[in-house]
Amino acid sequence: MITSMNAANAYTAARNAVQPGTPTGPSPVERLGEAAEDFAAQMAQVDAVSTGAMTGKTETHQLVQTIAEAELAMETVVAIRDKVVEAYQEILRMPV
């Protein structure tokens, strides 16, 4: 038999699971900003290594590795952009 006390206790326990609380980590906007900064740093590193390779100060192996890392970062950014555009277009298609 469910009593009012059992129901109140169950509600209290369940409320914490669905109640928005204080975020434990960085917000999505902060994480997006950090990702953009990391991408910019990666592109700056590619520029520096490319310049070093042209002047003979950087080995070819390091240049190839840096370009491969930059290509992966660029593919990730493009995939995220595509998902954002897709979500925006889906919102535009919603009836008002």
PDB file of N, CA and C in Angstrom:
ATOM      1  N   MET A   1       0.842  -1.175   0.000  1.00  0.00           N
ATOM      2  CA  MET A   1       0.000   0.000   0.000  1.00  0.00           C
ATOM      3  C   MET A   1       0.890   1.242   0.000  1.00  0.00           C
ATOM      4  N   ILE A   2       0.545   2.207  -0.806  1.00  0.00           N
ATOM      5  CA  ILE A   2       1.319   3.440  -0.896  1.00  0.00           C
ATOM      6  C   ILE A   2       0.712   4.444   0.061  1.00  0.00           C
ATOM      7  N   THR A   3       1.545   4.915   0.953  1.00  0.00           N
ATOM      8  CA  THR A   3       1.085   5.930   1.896  1.00  0.00           C
ATOM      9  C   THR A   3       1.574   7.288   1.438  1.00  0.00           C
ATOM     10  N   SER A   4       1.050   8.309   2.034  1.00  0.00           N
ATOM     11  CA  SER A   4       1.474   9.650   1.661  1.00  0.00           C
ATOM     12  C   SER A   4       2.935   9.889   2.012  1.00  0.00           C
ATOM     13  N   MET A   5       3.416   9.264   3.075  1.00  0.00           N
ATOM     14  CA  MET A   5       4.822   9.422   3.468  1.00  0.00           C
ATOM     15  C   MET A   5       5.737   8.760   2.440  1.00  0.00           C
ATOM     16  N   ASN A   6       5.359   7.561   1.961  1.00  0.00           N
ATOM     17  CA  ASN A   6       6.157   6.885   0.939  1.00  0.00           C
ATOM     18  C   ASN A   6       6.182   7.704  -0.352  1.00  0.00           C
ATOM     19  N   ALA A   7       5.047   8.254  -0.712  1.00  0.00           N
ATOM     20  CA  ALA A   7       4.967   9.055  -1.924  1.00  0.00           C
ATOM     21  C   ALA A   7       5.819  10.318  -1.806  1.00  0.00           C
ATOM     22  N   ALA A   8       5.786  10.949  -0.644  1.00  0.00           N
ATOM     23  CA  ALA A   8       6.585  12.156  -0.445  1.00  0.00           C
ATOM     24  C   ALA A   8       8.074  11.836  -0.506  1.00  0.00           C
ATOM     25  N   ASN A   9       8.480  10.730   0.086  1.00  0.00           N
ATOM     26  CA  ASN A   9       9.897  10.336   0.052  1.00  0.00           C
ATOM     27  C   ASN A   9      10.340   9.994  -1.372  1.00  0.00           C
ATOM     28  N   ALA A  10       9.486   9.309  -2.110  1.00  0.00           N
ATOM     29  CA  ALA A  10       9.819   8.966  -3.491  1.00  0.00           C
ATOM     30  C   ALA A  10       9.914  10.225  -4.343  1.00  0.00           C
ATOM     31  N   TYR A  11       9.022  11.170  -4.106  1.00  0.00           N
ATOM     32  CA  TYR A  11       9.058  12.425  -4.851  1.00  0.00           C
ATOM     33  C   TYR A  11      10.344  13.190  -4.559  1.00  0.00           C
ATOM     34  N   THR A  12      10.735  13.242  -3.297  1.00  0.00           N
ATOM     35  CA  THR A  12      11.954  13.950  -2.904  1.00  0.00           C
ATOM     36  C   THR A  12      13.185  13.315  -3.557  1.00  0.00           C
ATOM     37  N   ALA A  13      13.219  11.997  -3.586  1.00  0.00           N
ATOM     38  CA  ALA A  13      14.361  11.308  -4.203  1.00  0.00           C
ATOM     39  C   ALA A  13      14.389  11.532  -5.713  1.00  0.00           C
ATOM     40  N   ALA A  14      13.221  11.520  -6.357  1.00  0.00           N
ATOM     41  CA  ALA A  14      13.165  11.687  -7.805  1.00  0.00           C
ATOM     42  C   ALA A  14      13.385  13.134  -8.223  1.00  0.00           C
ATOM     43  N   ARG A  15      13.034  14.073  -7.385  1.00  0.00           N
ATOM     44  CA  ARG A  15      13.157  15.484  -7.736  1.00  0.00           C
ATOM     45  C   ARG A  15      14.609  15.858  -7.998  1.00  0.00           C
ATOM     46  N   ASN A  16      15.522  15.312  -7.226  1.00  0.00           N
ATOM     47  CA  ASN A  16      16.946  15.626  -7.424  1.00  0.00           C
ATOM     48  C   ASN A  16      17.456  15.124  -8.769  1.00  0.00           C
ATOM     49  N   ALA A  17      16.848  14.052  -9.279  1.00  0.00           N
ATOM     50  CA  ALA A  17      17.299  13.496 -10.553  1.00  0.00           C
ATOM     51  C   ALA A  17      16.863  14.352 -11.740  1.00  0.00           C
ATOM     52  N   VAL A  18      15.737  15.032 -11.629  1.00  0.00           N
ATOM     53  CA  VAL A  18      15.233  15.801 -12.762  1.00  0.00           C
ATOM     54  C   VAL A  18      15.339  17.302 -12.577  1.00  0.00           C
ATOM     55  N   GLN A  19      15.663  17.738 -11.391  1.00  0.00           N
ATOM     56  CA  GLN A  19      15.754  19.167 -11.121  1.00  0.00           C
ATOM     57  C   GLN A  19      17.070  19.710 -11.652  1.00  0.00           C
ATOM     58  N   PRO A  20      17.007  20.780 -12.447  1.00  0.00           N
ATOM     59  CA  PRO A  20      18.268  21.363 -12.893  1.00  0.00           C
ATOM     60  C   PRO A  20      18.993  21.957 -11.696  1.00  0.00           C
ATOM     61  N   GLY A  21      20.195  21.545 -11.547  1.00  0.00           N
ATOM     62  CA  GLY A  21      20.986  22.040 -10.428  1.00  0.00           C
ATOM     63  C   GLY A  21      22.120  22.906 -10.914  1.00  0.00           C
ATOM     64  N   THR A  22      23.011  23.175 -10.030  1.00  0.00           N
ATOM     65  CA  THR A  22      24.177  23.955 -10.405  1.00  0.00           C
ATOM     66  C   THR A  22      25.068  23.091 -11.277  1.00  0.00           C
ATOM     67  N   PRO A  23      25.550  23.621 -12.368  1.00  0.00           N
ATOM     68  CA  PRO A  23      26.396  22.830 -13.250  1.00  0.00           C
ATOM     69  C   PRO A  23      27.700  22.460 -12.554  1.00  0.00           C
ATOM     70  N   THR A  24      28.114  21.224 -12.758  1.00  0.00           N
ATOM     71  CA  THR A  24      29.337  20.765 -12.118  1.00  0.00           C
ATOM     72  C   THR A  24      30.570  21.076 -12.951  1.00  0.00           C
ATOM     73  N   GLY A  25      30.387  21.293 -14.228  1.00  0.00           N
ATOM     74  CA  GLY A  25      31.516  21.573 -15.106  1.00  0.00           C
ATOM     75  C   GLY A  25      31.274  22.850 -15.881  1.00  0.00           C
ATOM     76  N   PRO A  26      32.094  23.056 -16.878  1.00  0.00           N
ATOM     77  CA  PRO A  26      31.910  24.266 -17.694  1.00  0.00           C
ATOM     78  C   PRO A  26      30.622  24.180 -18.507  1.00  0.00           C
ATOM     79  N   SER A  27      30.051  25.317 -18.781  1.00  0.00           N
ATOM     80  CA  SER A  27      28.813  25.370 -19.558  1.00  0.00           C
ATOM     81  C   SER A  27      29.114  25.014 -21.015  1.00  0.00           C
ATOM     82  N   PRO A  28      28.087  24.668 -21.785  1.00  0.00           N
ATOM     83  CA  PRO A  28      28.319  24.346 -23.196  1.00  0.00           C
ATOM     84  C   PRO A  28      28.947  25.503 -23.974  1.00  0.00           C
ATOM     85  N   VAL A  29      28.595  26.724 -23.626  1.00  0.00           N
ATOM     86  CA  VAL A  29      29.179  27.878 -24.313  1.00  0.00           C
ATOM     87  C   VAL A  29      30.673  27.976 -23.996  1.00  0.00           C
ATOM     88  N   GLU A  30      31.033  27.731 -22.737  1.00  0.00           N
ATOM     89  CA  GLU A  30      32.452  27.765 -22.362  1.00  0.00           C
ATOM     90  C   GLU A  30      33.223  26.656 -23.065  1.00  0.00           C
ATOM     91  N   ARG A  31      32.615  25.461 -23.149  1.00  0.00           N
ATOM     92  CA  ARG A  31      33.286  24.355 -23.829  1.00  0.00           C
ATOM     93  C   ARG A  31      33.455  24.645 -25.318  1.00  0.00           C
ATOM     94  N   LEU A  32      32.461  25.283 -25.919  1.00  0.00           N
ATOM     95  CA  LEU A  32      32.571  25.650 -27.328  1.00  0.00           C
ATOM     96  C   LEU A  32      33.678  26.679 -27.531  1.00  0.00           C
ATOM     97  N   GLY A  33      33.777  27.638 -26.615  1.00  0.00           N
ATOM     98  CA  GLY A  33      34.843  28.631 -26.686  1.00  0.00           C
ATOM     99  C   GLY A  33      36.219  28.000 -26.549  1.00  0.00           C
ATOM    100  N   GLU A  34      36.331  27.043 -25.621  1.00  0.00           N
ATOM    101  CA  GLU A  34      37.608  26.348 -25.450  1.00  0.00           C
ATOM    102  C   GLU A  34      37.964  25.546 -26.700  1.00  0.00           C
ATOM    103  N   ALA A  35      36.955  24.920 -27.314  1.00  0.00           N
ATOM    104  CA  ALA A  35      37.216  24.154 -28.533  1.00  0.00           C
ATOM    105  C   ALA A  35      37.673  25.070 -29.659  1.00  0.00           C
ATOM    106  N   ALA A  36      37.067  26.248 -29.754  1.00  0.00           N
ATOM    107  CA  ALA A  36      37.483  27.207 -30.787  1.00  0.00           C
ATOM    108  C   ALA A  36      38.912  27.686 -30.538  1.00  0.00           C
ATOM    109  N   GLU A  37      39.253  27.915 -29.284  1.00  0.00           N
ATOM    110  CA  GLU A  37      40.624  28.334 -28.962  1.00  0.00           C
ATOM    111  C   GLU A  37      41.618  27.222 -29.285  1.00  0.00           C
ATOM    112  N   ASP A  38      41.253  25.975 -28.980  1.00  0.00           N
ATOM    113  CA  ASP A  38      42.125  24.839 -29.299  1.00  0.00           C
ATOM    114  C   ASP A  38      42.327  24.710 -30.807  1.00  0.00           C
ATOM    115  N   PHE A  39      41.254  24.921 -31.567  1.00  0.00           N
ATOM    116  CA  PHE A  39      41.353  24.842 -33.029  1.00  0.00           C
ATOM    117  C   PHE A  39      42.266  25.948 -33.562  1.00  0.00           C
ATOM    118  N   ALA A  40      42.108  27.151 -33.031  1.00  0.00           N
ATOM    119  CA  ALA A  40      42.960  28.266 -33.465  1.00  0.00           C
ATOM    120  C   ALA A  40      44.423  27.987 -33.116  1.00  0.00           C
ATOM    121  N   ALA A  41      44.664  27.410 -31.955  1.00  0.00           N
ATOM    122  CA  ALA A  41      46.032  27.066 -31.563  1.00  0.00           C
ATOM    123  C   ALA A  41      46.613  25.998 -32.486  1.00  0.00           C
ATOM    124  N   GLN A  42      45.783  25.028 -32.867  1.00  0.00           N
ATOM    125  CA  GLN A  42      46.229  23.975 -33.787  1.00  0.00           C
ATOM    126  C   GLN A  42      46.613  24.574 -35.139  1.00  0.00           C
ATOM    127  N   MET A  43      45.801  25.497 -35.633  1.00  0.00           N
ATOM    128  CA  MET A  43      46.101  26.127 -36.921  1.00  0.00           C
ATOM    129  C   MET A  43      47.354  27.000 -36.834  1.00  0.00           C
ATOM    130  N   ALA A  44      47.558  27.659 -35.694  1.00  0.00           N
ATOM    131  CA  ALA A  44      48.777  28.453 -35.503  1.00  0.00           C
ATOM    132  C   ALA A  44      50.007  27.547 -35.469  1.00  0.00           C
ATOM    133  N   GLN A  45      49.855  26.366 -34.865  1.00  0.00           N
ATOM    134  CA  GLN A  45      50.968  25.423 -34.819  1.00  0.00           C
ATOM    135  C   GLN A  45      51.309  24.939 -36.235  1.00  0.00           C
ATOM    136  N   VAL A  46      50.295  24.679 -37.041  1.00  0.00           N
ATOM    137  CA  VAL A  46      50.536  24.261 -38.422  1.00  0.00           C
ATOM    138  C   VAL A  46      51.280  25.350 -39.181  1.00  0.00           C
ATOM    139  N   ASP A  47      50.880  26.584 -38.964  1.00  0.00           N
ATOM    140  CA  ASP A  47      51.539  27.703 -39.630  1.00  0.00           C
ATOM    141  C   ASP A  47      53.009  27.789 -39.215  1.00  0.00           C
ATOM    142  N   ALA A  48      53.267  27.649 -37.922  1.00  0.00           N
ATOM    143  CA  ALA A  48      54.643  27.733 -37.431  1.00  0.00           C
ATOM    144  C   ALA A  48      55.494  26.583 -37.955  1.00  0.00           C
ATOM    145  N   VAL A  49      54.948  25.381 -37.950  1.00  0.00           N
ATOM    146  CA  VAL A  49      55.708  24.220 -38.436  1.00  0.00           C
ATOM    147  C   VAL A  49      55.924  24.325 -39.946  1.00  0.00           C
ATOM    148  N   SER A  50      54.924  24.808 -40.678  1.00  0.00           N
ATOM    149  CA  SER A  50      55.082  24.975 -42.131  1.00  0.00           C
ATOM    150  C   SER A  50      56.183  25.987 -42.440  1.00  0.00           C
ATOM    151  N   THR A  51      56.180  27.084 -41.706  1.00  0.00           N
ATOM    152  CA  THR A  51      57.229  28.085 -41.896  1.00  0.00           C
ATOM    153  C   THR A  51      58.592  27.495 -41.547  1.00  0.00           C
ATOM    154  N   GLY A  52      58.644  26.713 -40.474  1.00  0.00           N
ATOM    155  CA  GLY A  52      59.896  26.068 -40.094  1.00  0.00           C
ATOM    156  C   GLY A  52      60.381  25.082 -41.135  1.00  0.00           C
ATOM    157  N   ALA A  53      59.446  24.368 -41.765  1.00  0.00           N
ATOM    158  CA  ALA A  53      59.834  23.408 -42.804  1.00  0.00           C
ATOM    159  C   ALA A  53      60.364  24.119 -44.039  1.00  0.00           C
ATOM    160  N   MET A  54      59.783  25.262 -44.365  1.00  0.00           N
ATOM    161  CA  MET A  54      60.253  26.013 -45.535  1.00  0.00           C
ATOM    162  C   MET A  54      61.627  26.615 -45.305  1.00  0.00           C
ATOM    163  N   THR A  55      61.934  26.954 -44.075  1.00  0.00           N
ATOM    164  CA  THR A  55      63.241  27.536 -43.772  1.00  0.00           C
ATOM    165  C   THR A  55      64.273  26.480 -43.394  1.00  0.00           C
ATOM    166  N   GLY A  56      63.842  25.213 -43.314  1.00  0.00           N
ATOM    167  CA  GLY A  56      64.770  24.138 -42.992  1.00  0.00           C
ATOM    168  C   GLY A  56      64.983  23.920 -41.517  1.00  0.00           C
ATOM    169  N   LYS A  57      64.175  24.523 -40.660  1.00  0.00           N
ATOM    170  CA  LYS A  57      64.339  24.383 -39.212  1.00  0.00           C
ATOM    171  C   LYS A  57      63.499  23.244 -38.625  1.00  0.00           C
ATOM    172  N   THR A  58      62.566  22.720 -39.413  1.00  0.00           N
ATOM    173  CA  THR A  58      61.678  21.658 -38.942  1.00  0.00           C
ATOM    174  C   THR A  58      61.804  20.460 -39.865  1.00  0.00           C
ATOM    175  N   GLU A  59      61.766  19.265 -39.267  1.00  0.00           N
ATOM    176  CA  GLU A  59      61.870  18.049 -40.062  1.00  0.00           C
ATOM    177  C   GLU A  59      60.572  17.791 -40.829  1.00  0.00           C
ATOM    178  N   THR A  60      60.701  17.095 -41.941  1.00  0.00           N
ATOM    179  CA  THR A  60      59.549  16.785 -42.780  1.00  0.00           C
ATOM    180  C   THR A  60      58.559  15.894 -42.039  1.00  0.00           C
ATOM    181  N   HIS A  61      59.070  14.972 -41.233  1.00  0.00           N
ATOM    182  CA  HIS A  61      58.194  14.071 -40.479  1.00  0.00           C
ATOM    183  C   HIS A  61      57.275  14.859 -39.547  1.00  0.00           C
ATOM    184  N   GLN A  62      57.812  15.846 -38.879  1.00  0.00           N
ATOM    185  CA  GLN A  62      57.001  16.668 -37.973  1.00  0.00           C
ATOM    186  C   GLN A  62      55.965  17.475 -38.762  1.00  0.00           C
ATOM    187  N   LEU A  63      56.351  17.956 -39.943  1.00  0.00           N
ATOM    188  CA  LEU A  63      55.422  18.698 -40.791  1.00  0.00           C
ATOM    189  C   LEU A  63      54.247  17.811 -41.218  1.00  0.00           C
ATOM    190  N   VAL A  64      54.536  16.591 -41.647  1.00  0.00           N
ATOM    191  CA  VAL A  64      53.477  15.679 -42.090  1.00  0.00           C
ATOM    192  C   VAL A  64      52.555  15.338 -40.924  1.00  0.00           C
ATOM    193  N   GLN A  65      53.121  15.096 -39.752  1.00  0.00           N
ATOM    194  CA  GLN A  65      52.316  14.769 -38.578  1.00  0.00           C
ATOM    195  C   GLN A  65      51.422  15.950 -38.190  1.00  0.00           C
ATOM    196  N   THR A  66      51.950  17.146 -38.218  1.00  0.00           N
ATOM    197  CA  THR A  66      51.172  18.335 -37.860  1.00  0.00           C
ATOM    198  C   THR A  66      50.056  18.587 -38.867  1.00  0.00           C
ATOM    199  N   ILE A  67      50.336  18.374 -40.138  1.00  0.00           N
ATOM    200  CA  ILE A  67      49.305  18.559 -41.161  1.00  0.00           C
ATOM    201  C   ILE A  67      48.203  17.516 -40.999  1.00  0.00           C
ATOM    202  N   ALA A  68      48.558  16.284 -40.662  1.00  0.00           N
ATOM    203  CA  ALA A  68      47.547  15.245 -40.442  1.00  0.00           C
ATOM    204  C   ALA A  68      46.656  15.601 -39.248  1.00  0.00           C
ATOM    205  N   GLU A  69      47.258  16.109 -38.178  1.00  0.00           N
ATOM    206  CA  GLU A  69      46.478  16.533 -37.007  1.00  0.00           C
ATOM    207  C   GLU A  69      45.555  17.698 -37.368  1.00  0.00           C
ATOM    208  N   ALA A  70      46.061  18.619 -38.176  1.00  0.00           N
ATOM    209  CA  ALA A  70      45.246  19.765 -38.587  1.00  0.00           C
ATOM    210  C   ALA A  70      44.099  19.318 -39.483  1.00  0.00           C
ATOM    211  N   GLU A  71      44.343  18.343 -40.322  1.00  0.00           N
ATOM    212  CA  GLU A  71      43.280  17.829 -41.188  1.00  0.00           C
ATOM    213  C   GLU A  71      42.171  17.189 -40.362  1.00  0.00           C
ATOM    214  N   LEU A  72      42.543  16.450 -39.341  1.00  0.00           N
ATOM    215  CA  LEU A  72      41.556  15.843 -38.449  1.00  0.00           C
ATOM    216  C   LEU A  72      40.758  16.914 -37.705  1.00  0.00           C
ATOM    217  N   ALA A  73      41.440  17.941 -37.238  1.00  0.00           N
ATOM    218  CA  ALA A  73      40.755  19.036 -36.544  1.00  0.00           C
ATOM    219  C   ALA A  73      39.803  19.761 -37.484  1.00  0.00           C
ATOM    220  N   MET A  74      40.219  19.980 -38.719  1.00  0.00           N
ATOM    221  CA  MET A  74      39.363  20.658 -39.697  1.00  0.00           C
ATOM    222  C   MET A  74      38.134  19.819 -40.026  1.00  0.00           C
ATOM    223  N   GLU A  75      38.309  18.516 -40.191  1.00  0.00           N
ATOM    224  CA  GLU A  75      37.172  17.632 -40.461  1.00  0.00           C
ATOM    225  C   GLU A  75      36.181  17.652 -39.291  1.00  0.00           C
ATOM    226  N   THR A  76      36.695  17.714 -38.070  1.00  0.00           N
ATOM    227  CA  THR A  76      35.828  17.770 -36.901  1.00  0.00           C
ATOM    228  C   THR A  76      35.034  19.074 -36.876  1.00  0.00           C
ATOM    229  N   VAL A  77      35.693  20.175 -37.151  1.00  0.00           N
ATOM    230  CA  VAL A  77      35.020  21.475 -37.155  1.00  0.00           C
ATOM    231  C   VAL A  77      33.955  21.524 -38.251  1.00  0.00           C
ATOM    232  N   VAL A  78      34.260  20.987 -39.401  1.00  0.00           N
ATOM    233  CA  VAL A  78      33.290  20.982 -40.494  1.00  0.00           C
ATOM    234  C   VAL A  78      32.092  20.099 -40.141  1.00  0.00           C
ATOM    235  N   ALA A  79      32.330  18.967 -39.504  1.00  0.00           N
ATOM    236  CA  ALA A  79      31.230  18.092 -39.096  1.00  0.00           C
ATOM    237  C   ALA A  79      30.330  18.782 -38.072  1.00  0.00           C
ATOM    238  N   ILE A  80      30.926  19.496 -37.137  1.00  0.00           N
ATOM    239  CA  ILE A  80      30.137  20.231 -36.140  1.00  0.00           C
ATOM    240  C   ILE A  80      29.338  21.333 -36.820  1.00  0.00           C
ATOM    241  N   ARG A  81      29.966  22.051 -37.736  1.00  0.00           N
ATOM    242  CA  ARG A  81      29.263  23.107 -38.467  1.00  0.00           C
ATOM    243  C   ARG A  81      28.083  22.543 -39.236  1.00  0.00           C
ATOM    244  N   ASP A  82      28.288  21.403 -39.882  1.00  0.00           N
ATOM    245  CA  ASP A  82      27.203  20.788 -40.642  1.00  0.00           C
ATOM    246  C   ASP A  82      26.032  20.409 -39.740  1.00  0.00           C
ATOM    247  N   LYS A  83      26.329  19.887 -38.548  1.00  0.00           N
ATOM    248  CA  LYS A  83      25.263  19.530 -37.601  1.00  0.00           C
ATOM    249  C   LYS A  83      24.520  20.769 -37.120  1.00  0.00           C
ATOM    250  N   VAL A  84      25.225  21.853 -36.886  1.00  0.00           N
ATOM    251  CA  VAL A  84      24.582  23.096 -36.446  1.00  0.00           C
ATOM    252  C   VAL A  84      23.676  23.637 -37.544  1.00  0.00           C
ATOM    253  N   VAL A  85      24.150  23.630 -38.779  1.00  0.00           N
ATOM    254  CA  VAL A  85      23.336  24.110 -39.903  1.00  0.00           C
ATOM    255  C   VAL A  85      22.113  23.216 -40.086  1.00  0.00           C
ATOM    256  N   GLU A  86      22.299  21.918 -39.959  1.00  0.00           N
ATOM    257  CA  GLU A  86      21.177  20.984 -40.076  1.00  0.00           C
ATOM    258  C   GLU A  86      20.131  21.236 -38.991  1.00  0.00           C
ATOM    259  N   ALA A  87      20.575  21.467 -37.767  1.00  0.00           N
ATOM    260  CA  ALA A  87      19.646  21.754 -36.669  1.00  0.00           C
ATOM    261  C   ALA A  87      18.920  23.075 -36.912  1.00  0.00           C
ATOM    262  N   TYR A  88      19.629  24.066 -37.400  1.00  0.00           N
ATOM    263  CA  TYR A  88      19.010  25.363 -37.692  1.00  0.00           C
ATOM    264  C   TYR A  88      17.950  25.214 -38.782  1.00  0.00           C
ATOM    265  N   GLN A  89      18.260  24.466 -39.816  1.00  0.00           N
ATOM    266  CA  GLN A  89      17.291  24.258 -40.884  1.00  0.00           C
ATOM    267  C   GLN A  89      16.070  23.488 -40.380  1.00  0.00           C
ATOM    268  N   GLU A  90      16.272  22.555 -39.493  1.00  0.00           N
ATOM    269  CA  GLU A  90      15.155  21.810 -38.914  1.00  0.00           C
ATOM    270  C   GLU A  90      14.264  22.725 -38.091  1.00  0.00           C
ATOM    271  N   ILE A  91      14.863  23.659 -37.361  1.00  0.00           N
ATOM    272  CA  ILE A  91      14.078  24.626 -36.591  1.00  0.00           C
ATOM    273  C   ILE A  91      13.272  25.519 -37.528  1.00  0.00           C
ATOM    274  N   LEU A  92      13.864  25.910 -38.646  1.00  0.00           N
ATOM    275  CA  LEU A  92      13.143  26.743 -39.605  1.00  0.00           C
ATOM    276  C   LEU A  92      11.950  26.029 -40.218  1.00  0.00           C
ATOM    277  N   ARG A  93      12.036  24.706 -40.327  1.00  0.00           N
ATOM    278  CA  ARG A  93      10.944  23.940 -40.910  1.00  0.00           C
ATOM    279  C   ARG A  93       9.798  23.674 -39.928  1.00  0.00           C
ATOM    280  N   MET A  94       9.988  23.960 -38.664  1.00  0.00           N
ATOM    281  CA  MET A  94       8.940  23.710 -37.665  1.00  0.00           C
ATOM    282  C   MET A  94       7.766  24.648 -37.878  1.00  0.00           C
ATOM    283  N   PRO A  95       6.558  24.110 -37.743  1.00  0.00           N
ATOM    284  CA  PRO A  95       5.399  25.010 -37.864  1.00  0.00           C
ATOM    285  C   PRO A  95       5.284  25.918 -36.645  1.00  0.00           C
ATOM    286  N   VAL A  96       4.806  27.114 -36.899  1.00  0.00           N
ATOM    287  CA  VAL A  96       4.695  28.082 -35.810  1.00  0.00           C
ATOM    288  C   VAL A  96       3.300  28.088 -35.249  1.00  0.00           C
TER     289      VAL A  96
END
